[in-house]
């Protein structure tokens, strides 16, 4: 039988299972093994190994719900073994033991069935600003918007237009394209309504 500490790749939503054996710390000697998956500042996902039918190795298995909790990208796993009853040596009984048996990084792949929002944070902010402009122009007054993690209460159109321009320029820079140079747009007098183009945004009577 082939033993492995952990698969090199895990797809979110899958239910992988594998068998691990460390010859110096087998289940038959009373050792209990747990594998931990850590990524960024997330609380590690802990999975307790069960004793294999051979009585020595450990069976590890993730449910689909557990693998969904892993963040896509590089994730670190660590296998730690504990011996609750202590270890007996020539010097006598040593208290409970905890040892790290293996650790490495694995690749976690996103669930192919789950939609992923691939927009950058600035693109998400731009969509929020566009929604605010539309709401103002159609008379749908929104009390507040969340833009860039900040709550902006009842923004004026001038501020929204200005923020939209800055976000569009930043997104173009982010994508590696130079922002277009602003060109003033002059419109003839308009009877009623709001002129949302260029820097013309006054209400005309």
Foldseek 3Di string as FASTA:
>chain_A
DDADPDDQEAEQQDKDKGKHADPVAWVLVVKWKWKWKDDDPDDTDIWTWDQDPVRGITMTIDHNVSSNPDDAAKIKMWMKIKRQPADQDPVGGDHIDIDIDDMDIHGYHYHPVDDDDPDDLLVVLLVQLVVCLVCVQVVNFDQWTQHPNDIDGRDDLQVSLVSNLVSVQVVCVVVVHHDDDQDDDDDDDDDAGADNDRNGGDTDD
